[in-house]
Protein backbone atom coordinates (compact mmCIF):
# COMPACT_ATOMS: atom_id res chain seq x y z
CA MET A 1 -6.11 -3.97 -32.14
CA SER A 2 -6.91 -5.22 -28.35
CA ALA A 3 -5.08 -4.36 -25.05
CA ASN A 4 -4.74 -6.76 -22.42
CA VAL A 5 -6.45 -4.82 -19.46
CA TYR A 6 -5.11 -5.18 -15.57
CA THR A 7 -6.27 -3.99 -12.43
CA ILE A 8 -4.18 -3.24 -9.77
CA GLU A 9 -5.63 -6.13 -7.53
CA SER A 10 -4.74 -8.31 -10.27
CA LEU A 11 -0.99 -7.02 -10.44
CA LEU A 12 -0.50 -7.63 -6.73
CA ILE A 13 -1.88 -11.07 -6.67
CA GLY A 14 1.13 -13.63 -6.68
CA LYS A 15 3.64 -11.03 -5.76
CA ILE A 16 6.00 -11.40 -2.66
CA TYR A 17 5.04 -9.47 0.22
CA ARG A 18 8.33 -8.58 2.63
CA SER A 19 8.51 -6.55 5.87
CA LYS A 20 10.44 -7.12 9.09
CA SER A 21 7.38 -9.45 10.42
CA LEU A 22 6.23 -11.33 7.65
CA THR A 23 7.36 -12.54 3.95
CA GLY A 24 4.71 -14.49 2.13
CA GLU A 25 2.59 -14.32 -1.24
CA ILE A 26 -0.17 -11.85 -1.54
CA ILE A 27 -2.94 -14.38 -2.46
CA ASP A 28 -5.61 -11.65 -2.57
CA ALA A 29 -6.47 -7.68 -2.87
CA GLU A 30 -9.29 -5.49 -2.47
CA LYS A 31 -9.15 -1.70 -2.42
CA SER A 32 -9.16 -0.04 1.35
CA ASP A 33 -10.82 3.20 2.43
CA VAL A 34 -7.34 4.28 4.28
CA TRP A 35 -5.96 7.26 3.00
CA TYR A 36 -2.10 8.07 1.87
CA GLN A 37 -1.70 11.02 0.09
CA GLY A 38 -1.09 10.35 -3.48
CA CYS A 39 -1.92 7.01 -3.47
CA GLU A 40 -4.42 4.26 -3.10
CA SER A 41 -4.41 1.83 -0.40
CA TYR A 42 -5.22 -2.06 -0.87
CA ARG A 43 -6.13 -4.50 2.20
CA VAL A 44 -3.87 -7.30 0.95
CA GLN A 45 -4.11 -11.13 2.34
CA VAL A 46 -0.63 -12.58 2.44
CA ARG A 47 0.30 -16.24 3.28
CA SER A 48 3.06 -16.63 5.26
CA LEU A 49 5.86 -18.84 3.46
CA ASP A 50 7.14 -20.05 6.72
CA THR A 51 3.76 -21.17 8.65
CA PHE A 52 1.12 -20.94 5.54
CA LYS A 53 -0.85 -18.89 7.82
CA ASP A 54 -2.84 -15.93 6.18
CA THR A 55 -2.29 -12.14 7.66
CA TYR A 56 -3.55 -9.21 6.25
CA ARG A 57 -1.74 -5.92 5.59
CA ILE A 58 -2.31 -2.62 4.11
CA LEU A 59 -0.31 -1.69 1.20
CA ALA A 60 -0.36 1.99 -0.61
CA VAL A 61 -0.13 1.80 -4.40
CA ARG A 62 1.24 5.52 -5.95
CA ILE A 63 -0.96 6.61 -8.45
CA ASN A 64 0.58 9.94 -9.52
CA ASP A 65 4.46 10.27 -10.53
């Protein structure tokens, strides 16, 4: 039996990012060195749905329950 194996980066790509100042699609993600307690951080490239400009944001992903 085989299983599909995913990375956090691959699961972030294609998702919609929303904040007060930006709404867009995550088109790239890479692990970041920014520290958040109990989380891994990722630098994501977000393409705005309004202007199609790319912007970078840091996302924290909780890895422990």
